[in-house]
């Protein structure tokens, strides 16, 4: 089965020090995180994340309609498994929140993102050698590049 035929895929993101581990949903060529996962990723509170999301949409930086999607997830509550609809936020919102949160990991994120942007502006491209070496990408990187050149 081709990887791009899968509807969604769950990827585990872990910081280099192993302190933070976040489950990321990959679907429709973007990643999706809940407010809880964003709070864990940027080491802040869910309330802080919610306030940043509210400000981002109210200021018109991003549209809530294009950055939020509800997914059904199964949660364990006691001995029961409950299916709930939970809001997830896409990569655009994740990046915008990352530029607003004040924490050491968010600062590291901003430094990383700025260096990638700088590299893209100077070179015209950015390569992620580790992801290229990883055969478990949720899409065929080289096929996508070939299509981009056609």
N, C-alpha and C. Protein backbone atom coordinates (compact mmCIF):
# COMPACT_ATOMS: atom_id res chain seq x y z
N UNK A 1 0.85 -1.18 0.00
CA UNK A 1 0.00 0.00 0.00
C UNK A 1 0.89 1.23 0.00
N UNK A 2 0.58 2.20 -0.88
CA UNK A 2 1.36 3.42 -0.92
C UNK A 2 1.06 4.26 0.32
N UNK A 3 2.07 4.90 0.83
CA UNK A 3 1.90 5.69 2.05
C UNK A 3 0.92 6.83 1.87
N UNK A 4 0.90 7.47 0.67
CA UNK A 4 0.04 8.62 0.49
C UNK A 4 -1.43 8.23 0.34
N UNK A 5 -1.73 6.93 0.24
CA UNK A 5 -3.12 6.50 0.17
C UNK A 5 -3.73 6.35 1.56
N UNK A 6 -2.93 6.44 2.59
CA UNK A 6 -3.45 6.37 3.96
C UNK A 6 -4.15 7.67 4.30
N UNK A 7 -5.29 7.59 4.97
CA UNK A 7 -6.05 8.78 5.32
C UNK A 7 -5.30 9.63 6.34
N UNK A 8 -4.82 9.02 7.40
CA UNK A 8 -4.04 9.76 8.38
C UNK A 8 -3.04 8.83 9.02
N UNK A 9 -2.03 9.43 9.61
CA UNK A 9 -0.97 8.65 10.24
C UNK A 9 -0.59 9.37 11.53
N UNK A 10 -0.26 8.59 12.53
CA UNK A 10 0.18 9.16 13.80
C UNK A 10 1.70 9.07 13.85
N UNK A 11 2.33 10.19 14.16
CA UNK A 11 3.78 10.28 14.26
C UNK A 11 4.10 10.69 15.69
N UNK A 12 5.15 10.15 16.25
CA UNK A 12 5.57 10.53 17.60
C UNK A 12 6.75 11.48 17.48
N UNK A 13 6.61 12.68 18.06
CA UNK A 13 7.70 13.65 18.10
C UNK A 13 8.29 13.60 19.50
N UNK A 14 9.60 13.55 19.58
CA UNK A 14 10.27 13.54 20.88
C UNK A 14 11.44 14.51 20.83
N UNK A 15 11.58 15.34 21.88
CA UNK A 15 12.70 16.26 21.95
C UNK A 15 14.00 15.48 22.12
N UNK A 16 15.11 16.13 21.78
CA UNK A 16 16.42 15.47 21.87
C UNK A 16 16.72 14.96 23.27
N UNK A 17 16.30 15.70 24.29
CA UNK A 17 16.58 15.27 25.66
C UNK A 17 15.59 14.21 26.15
N UNK A 18 14.58 13.91 25.34
CA UNK A 18 13.61 12.88 25.69
C UNK A 18 12.57 13.32 26.69
N UNK A 19 12.61 14.58 27.11
CA UNK A 19 11.69 15.07 28.12
C UNK A 19 10.27 15.26 27.59
N UNK A 20 10.14 15.66 26.33
CA UNK A 20 8.83 15.92 25.76
C UNK A 20 8.57 14.93 24.63
N UNK A 21 7.42 14.28 24.70
CA UNK A 21 7.02 13.32 23.67
C UNK A 21 5.58 13.64 23.31
N UNK A 22 5.34 13.97 22.03
CA UNK A 22 4.02 14.40 21.61
C UNK A 22 3.56 13.55 20.43
N UNK A 23 2.31 13.10 20.49
CA UNK A 23 1.71 12.36 19.39
C UNK A 23 1.15 13.36 18.39
N UNK A 24 1.58 13.24 17.14
CA UNK A 24 1.20 14.19 16.09
C UNK A 24 0.40 13.44 15.03
N UNK A 25 -0.73 13.99 14.64
CA UNK A 25 -1.55 13.41 13.57
C UNK A 25 -1.11 14.04 12.25
N UNK A 26 -0.78 13.21 11.26
CA UNK A 26 -0.41 13.70 9.93
C UNK A 26 -1.53 13.35 8.97
N UNK A 27 -2.13 14.38 8.36
CA UNK A 27 -3.22 14.16 7.41
C UNK A 27 -3.31 15.34 6.47
N UNK A 28 -3.62 15.07 5.21
CA UNK A 28 -3.77 16.12 4.19
C UNK A 28 -2.55 17.02 4.12
N UNK A 29 -1.37 16.42 4.14
CA UNK A 29 -0.09 17.11 3.98
C UNK A 29 0.16 18.20 5.03
N UNK A 30 -0.36 17.99 6.23
CA UNK A 30 -0.03 18.86 7.35
C UNK A 30 -0.09 18.04 8.63
N UNK A 31 0.40 18.61 9.71
CA UNK A 31 0.31 17.94 11.00
C UNK A 31 -0.75 18.64 11.83
N UNK A 32 -1.33 17.91 12.75
CA UNK A 32 -2.42 18.41 13.58
C UNK A 32 -2.12 18.08 15.04
N UNK A 33 -2.31 19.06 15.92
CA UNK A 33 -2.14 18.87 17.36
C UNK A 33 -3.34 19.42 18.10
N UNK A 34 -3.66 18.81 19.24
CA UNK A 34 -4.69 19.35 20.13
C UNK A 34 -4.08 20.47 20.97
N UNK A 35 -4.93 21.21 21.68
CA UNK A 35 -4.41 22.23 22.61
C UNK A 35 -3.56 21.58 23.69
N UNK A 36 -3.97 20.41 24.17
CA UNK A 36 -3.17 19.72 25.19
C UNK A 36 -1.79 19.37 24.65
N UNK A 37 -1.72 18.88 23.41
CA UNK A 37 -0.44 18.51 22.81
C UNK A 37 0.43 19.75 22.57
N UNK A 38 -0.19 20.86 22.15
CA UNK A 38 0.55 22.12 21.99
C UNK A 38 1.13 22.58 23.32
N UNK A 39 0.34 22.47 24.38
CA UNK A 39 0.81 22.87 25.70
C UNK A 39 1.99 22.00 26.13
N UNK A 40 1.91 20.71 25.86
CA UNK A 40 3.01 19.81 26.20
C UNK A 40 4.24 20.13 25.35
N UNK A 41 4.03 20.33 24.06
CA UNK A 41 5.14 20.62 23.15
C UNK A 41 5.90 21.88 23.55
N UNK A 42 5.17 22.95 23.84
CA UNK A 42 5.80 24.23 24.17
C UNK A 42 5.96 24.46 25.67
N UNK A 43 5.67 23.42 26.47
CA UNK A 43 5.85 23.44 27.92
C UNK A 43 5.19 24.66 28.56
N UNK A 44 3.88 24.75 28.34
CA UNK A 44 3.08 25.81 28.92
C UNK A 44 1.71 25.23 29.27
N UNK A 45 0.75 26.07 29.62
CA UNK A 45 -0.57 25.58 30.00
C UNK A 45 -1.52 25.57 28.81
N UNK A 46 -2.55 24.75 28.92
CA UNK A 46 -3.58 24.70 27.88
C UNK A 46 -4.28 26.05 27.79
N UNK A 47 -4.47 26.71 28.93
CA UNK A 47 -5.12 28.02 28.94
C UNK A 47 -4.29 29.05 28.16
N UNK A 48 -2.98 29.00 28.33
CA UNK A 48 -2.08 29.90 27.61
C UNK A 48 -2.18 29.65 26.10
N UNK A 49 -2.19 28.39 25.70
CA UNK A 49 -2.32 28.03 24.28
C UNK A 49 -3.65 28.55 23.75
N UNK A 50 -4.73 28.33 24.49
CA UNK A 50 -6.05 28.79 24.08
C UNK A 50 -6.10 30.30 23.89
N UNK A 51 -5.46 31.04 24.78
CA UNK A 51 -5.42 32.50 24.67
C UNK A 51 -4.65 32.93 23.42
N UNK A 52 -3.54 32.27 23.14
CA UNK A 52 -2.77 32.61 21.94
C UNK A 52 -3.57 32.30 20.67
N UNK A 53 -4.26 31.17 20.65
CA UNK A 53 -5.08 30.81 19.49
C UNK A 53 -6.18 31.84 19.29
N UNK A 54 -6.82 32.24 20.38
CA UNK A 54 -7.87 33.26 20.32
C UNK A 54 -7.31 34.56 19.74
N UNK A 55 -6.16 35.00 20.24
CA UNK A 55 -5.55 36.24 19.74
C UNK A 55 -5.14 36.13 18.28
N UNK A 56 -4.61 34.99 17.88
CA UNK A 56 -4.18 34.78 16.49
C UNK A 56 -5.36 34.92 15.54
N UNK A 57 -6.50 34.34 15.91
CA UNK A 57 -7.67 34.43 15.03
C UNK A 57 -8.32 35.80 15.11
N UNK A 58 -8.41 36.40 16.31
CA UNK A 58 -9.02 37.73 16.44
C UNK A 58 -8.22 38.81 15.72
N UNK A 59 -6.90 38.67 15.70
CA UNK A 59 -6.05 39.65 15.03
C UNK A 59 -6.00 39.43 13.52
N UNK A 60 -6.61 38.36 13.05
CA UNK A 60 -6.65 38.08 11.62
C UNK A 60 -5.37 37.47 11.06
N UNK A 61 -4.48 37.05 11.94
CA UNK A 61 -3.24 36.41 11.48
C UNK A 61 -3.57 35.11 10.74
N UNK A 62 -4.49 34.34 11.30
CA UNK A 62 -4.97 33.10 10.67
C UNK A 62 -6.48 33.00 10.85
N UNK A 63 -7.11 32.24 9.98
CA UNK A 63 -8.55 32.01 10.08
C UNK A 63 -8.79 30.72 10.86
N UNK A 64 -9.71 30.77 11.78
CA UNK A 64 -10.04 29.57 12.54
C UNK A 64 -10.59 28.47 11.65
N UNK A 65 -11.34 28.85 10.62
CA UNK A 65 -11.94 27.86 9.72
C UNK A 65 -10.90 27.01 9.00
N UNK A 66 -9.78 27.62 8.63
CA UNK A 66 -8.78 26.88 7.85
C UNK A 66 -7.72 26.20 8.71
N UNK A 67 -7.68 26.50 9.99
CA UNK A 67 -6.61 25.96 10.84
C UNK A 67 -7.10 24.97 11.89
N UNK A 68 -8.40 24.80 12.01
CA UNK A 68 -8.97 23.91 13.02
C UNK A 68 -9.77 22.81 12.34
N UNK A 69 -9.61 21.59 12.82
CA UNK A 69 -10.39 20.47 12.29
C UNK A 69 -10.74 19.56 13.46
N UNK A 70 -11.96 19.06 13.45
CA UNK A 70 -12.39 18.13 14.50
C UNK A 70 -12.16 16.70 14.03
N UNK A 71 -11.52 15.92 14.90
CA UNK A 71 -11.28 14.50 14.64
C UNK A 71 -11.94 13.71 15.77
N UNK A 72 -12.47 12.55 15.43
CA UNK A 72 -12.96 11.65 16.47
C UNK A 72 -11.77 10.89 17.04
N UNK A 73 -11.67 10.88 18.35
CA UNK A 73 -10.62 10.12 19.01
C UNK A 73 -11.25 9.25 20.10
N UNK A 74 -10.61 8.15 20.38
CA UNK A 74 -11.09 7.25 21.42
C UNK A 74 -10.26 7.51 22.67
N UNK A 75 -10.97 7.80 23.77
CA UNK A 75 -10.31 8.06 25.05
C UNK A 75 -10.77 7.02 26.06
N UNK A 76 -9.86 6.62 26.92
CA UNK A 76 -10.21 5.70 28.00
C UNK A 76 -10.65 6.51 29.20
N UNK A 77 -11.85 6.22 29.68
CA UNK A 77 -12.37 6.85 30.89
C UNK A 77 -12.77 5.72 31.82
N UNK A 78 -11.91 5.48 32.80
CA UNK A 78 -12.12 4.33 33.67
C UNK A 78 -11.89 3.07 32.86
N UNK A 79 -12.89 2.19 32.85
CA UNK A 79 -12.79 0.96 32.06
C UNK A 79 -13.44 1.08 30.69
N UNK A 80 -14.03 2.24 30.42
CA UNK A 80 -14.76 2.43 29.16
C UNK A 80 -13.91 3.20 28.14
N UNK A 81 -14.14 2.89 26.88
CA UNK A 81 -13.53 3.65 25.80
C UNK A 81 -14.61 4.54 25.21
N UNK A 82 -14.38 5.84 25.24
CA UNK A 82 -15.35 6.82 24.79
C UNK A 82 -14.84 7.49 23.52
N UNK A 83 -15.71 7.58 22.52
CA UNK A 83 -15.35 8.25 21.27
C UNK A 83 -15.78 9.71 21.39
N UNK A 84 -14.82 10.62 21.27
CA UNK A 84 -15.09 12.05 21.40
C UNK A 84 -14.57 12.80 20.19
N UNK A 85 -15.25 13.90 19.88
CA UNK A 85 -14.81 14.78 18.81
C UNK A 85 -13.94 15.88 19.44
N UNK A 86 -12.69 15.97 19.01
CA UNK A 86 -11.73 16.90 19.61
C UNK A 86 -11.16 17.80 18.53
N UNK A 87 -10.97 19.09 18.87
CA UNK A 87 -10.38 20.03 17.92
C UNK A 87 -8.87 19.86 17.85
N UNK A 88 -8.37 19.83 16.63
CA UNK A 88 -6.94 19.78 16.34
C UNK A 88 -6.59 21.03 15.55
N UNK A 89 -5.35 21.48 15.67
CA UNK A 89 -4.87 22.68 15.00
C UNK A 89 -3.74 22.31 14.05
N UNK A 90 -3.75 22.92 12.84
CA UNK A 90 -2.78 22.53 11.82
C UNK A 90 -1.43 23.22 12.01
N UNK A 91 -0.51 22.91 11.11
CA UNK A 91 0.86 23.39 11.22
C UNK A 91 0.95 24.91 11.22
N UNK A 92 0.11 25.58 10.44
CA UNK A 92 0.13 27.05 10.44
C UNK A 92 -0.12 27.60 11.84
N UNK A 93 -1.12 27.03 12.52
CA UNK A 93 -1.44 27.48 13.88
C UNK A 93 -0.33 27.08 14.85
N UNK A 94 0.23 25.89 14.68
CA UNK A 94 1.31 25.43 15.56
C UNK A 94 2.49 26.41 15.48
N UNK A 95 2.85 26.80 14.27
CA UNK A 95 3.96 27.74 14.08
C UNK A 95 3.63 29.09 14.70
N UNK A 96 2.42 29.60 14.44
CA UNK A 96 2.04 30.91 14.99
C UNK A 96 2.05 30.90 16.51
N UNK A 97 1.53 29.83 17.10
CA UNK A 97 1.55 29.72 18.57
C UNK A 97 2.99 29.66 19.06
N UNK A 98 3.83 28.91 18.36
CA UNK A 98 5.24 28.79 18.75
C UNK A 98 5.98 30.11 18.77
N UNK A 99 5.55 31.05 17.94
CA UNK A 99 6.18 32.37 17.92
C UNK A 99 5.62 33.29 19.01
N UNK A 100 4.61 32.87 19.73
CA UNK A 100 4.02 33.72 20.78
C UNK A 100 4.31 33.22 22.19
N UNK A 101 4.43 31.92 22.35
CA UNK A 101 4.63 31.34 23.69
C UNK A 101 6.00 31.73 24.24
N UNK A 102 6.03 32.01 25.52
CA UNK A 102 7.29 32.34 26.20
C UNK A 102 7.69 31.16 27.08
N UNK A 103 8.57 30.34 26.54
CA UNK A 103 9.16 29.22 27.28
C UNK A 103 10.48 28.90 26.61
N UNK A 104 11.33 28.18 27.32
CA UNK A 104 12.65 27.88 26.75
C UNK A 104 12.53 27.01 25.51
N UNK A 105 11.59 26.07 25.51
CA UNK A 105 11.45 25.22 24.33
C UNK A 105 10.86 25.99 23.15
N UNK A 106 9.96 26.94 23.43
CA UNK A 106 9.41 27.77 22.35
C UNK A 106 10.51 28.67 21.78
N UNK A 107 11.40 29.15 22.63
CA UNK A 107 12.54 29.94 22.14
C UNK A 107 13.42 29.08 21.23
N UNK A 108 13.69 27.85 21.63
CA UNK A 108 14.48 26.94 20.80
C UNK A 108 13.76 26.68 19.47
N UNK A 109 12.44 26.55 19.51
CA UNK A 109 11.65 26.37 18.28
C UNK A 109 11.82 27.58 17.36
N UNK A 110 11.71 28.78 17.92
CA UNK A 110 11.85 30.00 17.11
C UNK A 110 13.24 30.09 16.49
N UNK A 111 14.26 29.74 17.25
CA UNK A 111 15.63 29.75 16.72
C UNK A 111 15.76 28.75 15.57
N UNK A 112 15.21 27.56 15.75
CA UNK A 112 15.26 26.54 14.71
C UNK A 112 14.50 27.02 13.46
N UNK A 113 13.28 27.53 13.64
CA UNK A 113 12.47 27.97 12.50
C UNK A 113 13.14 29.13 11.77
N UNK A 114 13.72 30.06 12.51
CA UNK A 114 14.39 31.20 11.90
C UNK A 114 15.60 30.75 11.10
N UNK A 115 16.35 29.78 11.61
CA UNK A 115 17.52 29.30 10.87
C UNK A 115 17.08 28.60 9.58
N UNK A 116 15.96 27.86 9.61
CA UNK A 116 15.45 27.22 8.39
C UNK A 116 14.98 28.26 7.38
N UNK A 117 14.32 29.29 7.85
CA UNK A 117 13.86 30.36 6.97
C UNK A 117 15.05 31.10 6.36
N UNK A 118 16.05 31.37 7.18
CA UNK A 118 17.26 32.04 6.69
C UNK A 118 17.93 31.19 5.61
N UNK A 119 18.06 29.88 5.87
CA UNK A 119 18.67 28.98 4.90
C UNK A 119 17.89 28.97 3.58
N UNK A 120 16.56 28.98 3.67
CA UNK A 120 15.73 28.98 2.47
C UNK A 120 15.92 30.28 1.68
N UNK A 121 15.97 31.41 2.37
CA UNK A 121 16.14 32.70 1.70
C UNK A 121 17.50 32.79 1.03
N UNK A 122 18.55 32.32 1.69
CA UNK A 122 19.91 32.41 1.15
C UNK A 122 20.13 31.39 0.03
N UNK A 123 19.77 30.12 0.28
CA UNK A 123 20.06 29.04 -0.68
C UNK A 123 18.94 28.80 -1.69
N UNK A 124 17.72 29.13 -1.30
CA UNK A 124 16.58 28.84 -2.16
C UNK A 124 15.95 27.49 -1.88
N UNK A 125 16.49 26.76 -0.91
CA UNK A 125 15.95 25.47 -0.52
C UNK A 125 16.46 25.12 0.88
N UNK A 126 15.77 24.17 1.51
CA UNK A 126 16.19 23.65 2.81
C UNK A 126 16.11 22.13 2.73
N UNK A 127 17.14 21.46 3.19
CA UNK A 127 17.17 20.00 3.21
C UNK A 127 17.12 19.51 4.65
N UNK A 128 16.34 18.48 4.89
CA UNK A 128 16.30 17.82 6.19
C UNK A 128 16.87 16.42 5.98
N UNK A 129 18.19 16.31 6.12
CA UNK A 129 18.88 15.06 5.82
C UNK A 129 18.34 13.87 6.61
N UNK A 130 17.99 14.08 7.88
CA UNK A 130 17.49 12.97 8.70
C UNK A 130 16.17 12.43 8.16
N UNK A 131 15.27 13.32 7.74
CA UNK A 131 13.99 12.86 7.19
C UNK A 131 14.19 12.17 5.84
N UNK A 132 15.16 12.64 5.06
CA UNK A 132 15.42 12.00 3.77
C UNK A 132 15.92 10.57 3.96
N UNK A 133 16.67 10.34 5.03
CA UNK A 133 17.20 9.01 5.33
C UNK A 133 16.12 8.08 5.90
N UNK A 134 15.03 8.64 6.38
CA UNK A 134 13.99 7.88 7.07
C UNK A 134 12.97 7.33 6.07
N UNK A 135 12.90 6.02 5.90
CA UNK A 135 11.94 5.45 4.94
C UNK A 135 10.50 5.45 5.45
N UNK A 136 10.29 5.87 6.69
CA UNK A 136 8.95 5.83 7.27
C UNK A 136 8.21 7.16 7.16
N UNK A 137 8.61 8.01 6.22
CA UNK A 137 7.90 9.26 6.01
C UNK A 137 6.45 8.95 5.62
N UNK A 138 5.51 9.80 6.00
CA UNK A 138 4.11 9.55 5.65
C UNK A 138 3.80 9.86 4.19
N UNK A 139 4.80 10.19 3.39
CA UNK A 139 4.62 10.42 1.96
C UNK A 139 5.94 10.08 1.27
N UNK A 140 5.90 9.88 -0.03
CA UNK A 140 7.10 9.56 -0.79
C UNK A 140 7.78 10.86 -1.18
N UNK A 141 8.81 11.24 -0.45
CA UNK A 141 9.49 12.52 -0.65
C UNK A 141 10.02 12.66 -2.07
N UNK A 142 10.67 11.62 -2.57
CA UNK A 142 11.29 11.72 -3.88
C UNK A 142 10.25 11.77 -4.99
N UNK A 143 9.14 11.07 -4.83
CA UNK A 143 8.06 11.14 -5.81
C UNK A 143 7.48 12.55 -5.84
N UNK A 144 7.32 13.14 -4.69
CA UNK A 144 6.79 14.50 -4.63
C UNK A 144 7.75 15.48 -5.30
N UNK A 145 9.05 15.32 -5.10
CA UNK A 145 10.04 16.20 -5.75
C UNK A 145 9.99 16.02 -7.26
N UNK A 146 9.88 14.76 -7.72
CA UNK A 146 9.82 14.49 -9.15
C UNK A 146 8.60 15.16 -9.77
N UNK A 147 7.46 15.09 -9.10
CA UNK A 147 6.24 15.72 -9.60
C UNK A 147 6.39 17.23 -9.63
N UNK A 148 7.12 17.78 -8.67
CA UNK A 148 7.33 19.23 -8.62
C UNK A 148 8.17 19.73 -9.77
N UNK A 149 9.05 18.87 -10.30
CA UNK A 149 9.91 19.28 -11.41
C UNK A 149 9.26 19.02 -12.76
N UNK A 150 8.20 18.23 -12.80
CA UNK A 150 7.56 17.88 -14.08
C UNK A 150 6.74 19.02 -14.63
